[in-house]
Protein backbone atom coordinates (compact mmCIF):
# COMPACT_ATOMS: atom_id res chain seq x y z
CA UNK A 1 0.00 0.00 0.00
CA UNK A 2 1.22 3.48 -0.87
CA UNK A 3 2.04 5.86 1.92
CA UNK A 4 0.20 9.15 2.36
CA UNK A 5 2.89 11.30 0.73
CA UNK A 6 2.97 9.10 -2.37
CA UNK A 7 -0.83 9.22 -2.68
CA UNK A 8 -0.76 13.03 -2.45
CA UNK A 9 1.95 13.18 -5.11
CA UNK A 10 -0.04 10.84 -7.39
CA UNK A 11 -3.21 12.92 -6.96
CA UNK A 12 -1.32 16.18 -7.60
CA UNK A 13 0.19 14.73 -10.79
CA UNK A 14 -3.26 13.55 -11.94
CA UNK A 15 -4.70 17.01 -11.25
CA UNK A 16 -1.87 18.60 -13.23
CA UNK A 17 -2.57 16.32 -16.21
CA UNK A 18 -6.31 17.17 -16.07
CA UNK A 19 -5.72 20.93 -15.87
CA UNK A 20 -2.87 21.29 -18.34
CA UNK A 21 -3.22 18.21 -20.60
CA UNK A 22 0.38 17.11 -20.09
CA UNK A 23 2.52 15.47 -17.42
CA UNK A 24 3.96 17.75 -14.75
CA UNK A 25 7.19 19.36 -16.00
CA UNK A 26 8.72 19.10 -12.56
CA UNK A 27 9.45 16.10 -10.40
CA UNK A 28 8.38 17.38 -7.03
CA UNK A 29 6.60 16.23 -3.93
CA UNK A 30 2.81 16.57 -3.78
CA UNK A 31 2.59 19.81 -1.76
CA UNK A 32 5.10 21.56 -4.05
CA UNK A 33 3.18 20.44 -7.13
CA UNK A 34 -0.15 21.57 -5.62
CA UNK A 35 1.42 24.94 -4.81
CA UNK A 36 2.53 25.32 -8.45
CA UNK A 37 -0.97 24.39 -9.64
CA UNK A 38 -2.78 26.82 -7.38
CA UNK A 39 -0.42 29.68 -8.23
CA UNK A 40 -1.13 29.20 -11.95
CA UNK A 41 -4.92 29.34 -11.59
CA UNK A 42 -6.77 32.65 -11.90
CA UNK A 43 -7.95 34.25 -8.69
CA UNK A 44 -11.70 34.32 -8.19
CA UNK A 45 -13.77 36.73 -6.13
CA UNK A 46 -16.24 35.29 -3.65
CA UNK A 47 -19.66 36.46 -2.57
CA UNK A 48 -21.87 35.34 0.28
CA UNK A 49 -24.40 32.50 0.15
CA UNK A 50 -27.42 32.42 2.44
CA UNK A 51 -28.27 29.20 4.27
CA UNK A 52 -30.80 28.48 7.02
CA UNK A 53 -28.30 26.07 8.63
CA UNK A 54 -25.16 28.22 8.75
CA UNK A 55 -24.40 31.77 9.69
CA UNK A 56 -24.02 33.94 6.59
CA UNK A 57 -20.44 34.82 7.55
CA UNK A 58 -19.47 31.12 7.44
CA UNK A 59 -20.26 30.53 3.75
CA UNK A 60 -18.30 31.71 0.70
CA UNK A 61 -18.67 30.61 -2.90
CA UNK A 62 -17.27 31.82 -6.23
CA UNK A 63 -19.13 34.69 -7.81
CA UNK A 64 -20.76 33.96 -11.14
CA UNK A 65 -18.46 35.08 -13.91
CA UNK A 66 -19.63 37.56 -16.51
CA UNK A 67 -19.07 34.90 -19.19
CA UNK A 68 -21.51 32.36 -17.77
C-alpha atoms as a PDB file:
ATOM      1  CA  UNK A   1       0.000   0.000   0.000  1.00  0.00           C
ATOM      2  CA  UNK A   2       1.223   3.482  -0.870  1.00  0.00           C
ATOM      3  CA  UNK A   3       2.038   5.863   1.918  1.00  0.00           C
ATOM      4  CA  UNK A   4       0.204   9.147   2.360  1.00  0.00           C
ATOM      5  CA  UNK A   5       2.894  11.298   0.727  1.00  0.00           C
ATOM      6  CA  UNK A   6       2.975   9.095  -2.374  1.00  0.00           C
ATOM      7  CA  UNK A   7      -0.833   9.215  -2.683  1.00  0.00           C
ATOM      8  CA  UNK A   8      -0.760  13.026  -2.447  1.00  0.00           C
ATOM      9  CA  UNK A   9       1.946  13.181  -5.113  1.00  0.00           C
ATOM     10  CA  UNK A  10      -0.039  10.844  -7.386  1.00  0.00           C
ATOM     11  CA  UNK A  11      -3.208  12.924  -6.959  1.00  0.00           C
ATOM     12  CA  UNK A  12      -1.322  16.177  -7.603  1.00  0.00           C
ATOM     13  CA  UNK A  13       0.192  14.731 -10.792  1.00  0.00           C
ATOM     14  CA  UNK A  14      -3.255  13.546 -11.940  1.00  0.00           C
ATOM     15  CA  UNK A  15      -4.705  17.007 -11.251  1.00  0.00           C
ATOM     16  CA  UNK A  16      -1.868  18.599 -13.230  1.00  0.00           C
ATOM     17  CA  UNK A  17      -2.574  16.319 -16.210  1.00  0.00           C
ATOM     18  CA  UNK A  18      -6.306  17.173 -16.071  1.00  0.00           C
ATOM     19  CA  UNK A  19      -5.721  20.926 -15.873  1.00  0.00           C
ATOM     20  CA  UNK A  20      -2.872  21.293 -18.344  1.00  0.00           C
ATOM     21  CA  UNK A  21      -3.216  18.213 -20.600  1.00  0.00           C
ATOM     22  CA  UNK A  22       0.378  17.112 -20.087  1.00  0.00           C
ATOM     23  CA  UNK A  23       2.523  15.471 -17.424  1.00  0.00           C
ATOM     24  CA  UNK A  24       3.964  17.750 -14.751  1.00  0.00           C
ATOM     25  CA  UNK A  25       7.190  19.360 -16.004  1.00  0.00           C
ATOM     26  CA  UNK A  26       8.718  19.102 -12.563  1.00  0.00           C
ATOM     27  CA  UNK A  27       9.447  16.096 -10.405  1.00  0.00           C
ATOM     28  CA  UNK A  28       8.382  17.379  -7.034  1.00  0.00           C
ATOM     29  CA  UNK A  29       6.602  16.229  -3.929  1.00  0.00           C
ATOM     30  CA  UNK A  30       2.814  16.571  -3.780  1.00  0.00           C
ATOM     31  CA  UNK A  31       2.589  19.810  -1.755  1.00  0.00           C
ATOM     32  CA  UNK A  32       5.097  21.558  -4.052  1.00  0.00           C
ATOM     33  CA  UNK A  33       3.180  20.439  -7.130  1.00  0.00           C
ATOM     34  CA  UNK A  34      -0.147  21.571  -5.625  1.00  0.00           C
ATOM     35  CA  UNK A  35       1.415  24.943  -4.814  1.00  0.00           C
ATOM     36  CA  UNK A  36       2.533  25.319  -8.452  1.00  0.00           C
ATOM     37  CA  UNK A  37      -0.973  24.385  -9.644  1.00  0.00           C
ATOM     38  CA  UNK A  38      -2.780  26.821  -7.381  1.00  0.00           C
ATOM     39  CA  UNK A  39      -0.417  29.678  -8.225  1.00  0.00           C
ATOM     40  CA  UNK A  40      -1.132  29.197 -11.953  1.00  0.00           C
ATOM     41  CA  UNK A  41      -4.925  29.337 -11.586  1.00  0.00           C
ATOM     42  CA  UNK A  42      -6.774  32.652 -11.900  1.00  0.00           C
ATOM     43  CA  UNK A  43      -7.947  34.254  -8.695  1.00  0.00           C
ATOM     44  CA  UNK A  44     -11.696  34.320  -8.192  1.00  0.00           C
ATOM     45  CA  UNK A  45     -13.765  36.734  -6.129  1.00  0.00           C
ATOM     46  CA  UNK A  46     -16.239  35.292  -3.651  1.00  0.00           C
ATOM     47  CA  UNK A  47     -19.660  36.457  -2.573  1.00  0.00           C
ATOM     48  CA  UNK A  48     -21.867  35.336   0.280  1.00  0.00           C
ATOM     49  CA  UNK A  49     -24.399  32.499   0.147  1.00  0.00           C
ATOM     50  CA  UNK A  50     -27.424  32.424   2.442  1.00  0.00           C
ATOM     51  CA  UNK A  51     -28.272  29.196   4.274  1.00  0.00           C
ATOM     52  CA  UNK A  52     -30.800  28.482   7.019  1.00  0.00           C
ATOM     53  CA  UNK A  53     -28.301  26.072   8.625  1.00  0.00           C
ATOM     54  CA  UNK A  54     -25.164  28.220   8.748  1.00  0.00           C
ATOM     55  CA  UNK A  55     -24.403  31.774   9.691  1.00  0.00           C
ATOM     56  CA  UNK A  56     -24.015  33.943   6.589  1.00  0.00           C
ATOM     57  CA  UNK A  57     -20.444  34.818   7.555  1.00  0.00           C
ATOM     58  CA  UNK A  58     -19.475  31.122   7.439  1.00  0.00           C
ATOM     59  CA  UNK A  59     -20.256  30.531   3.749  1.00  0.00           C
ATOM     60  CA  UNK A  60     -18.305  31.715   0.696  1.00  0.00           C
ATOM     61  CA  UNK A  61     -18.673  30.613  -2.904  1.00  0.00           C
ATOM     62  CA  UNK A  62     -17.266  31.820  -6.227  1.00  0.00           C
ATOM     63  CA  UNK A  63     -19.126  34.693  -7.810  1.00  0.00           C
ATOM     64  CA  UNK A  64     -20.764  33.965 -11.143  1.00  0.00           C
ATOM     65  CA  UNK A  65     -18.457  35.082 -13.909  1.00  0.00           C
ATOM     66  CA  UNK A  66     -19.632  37.562 -16.509  1.00  0.00           C
ATOM     67  CA  UNK A  67     -19.068  34.901 -19.194  1.00  0.00           C
ATOM     68  CA  UNK A  68     -21.515  32.361 -17.769  1.00  0.00           C
END
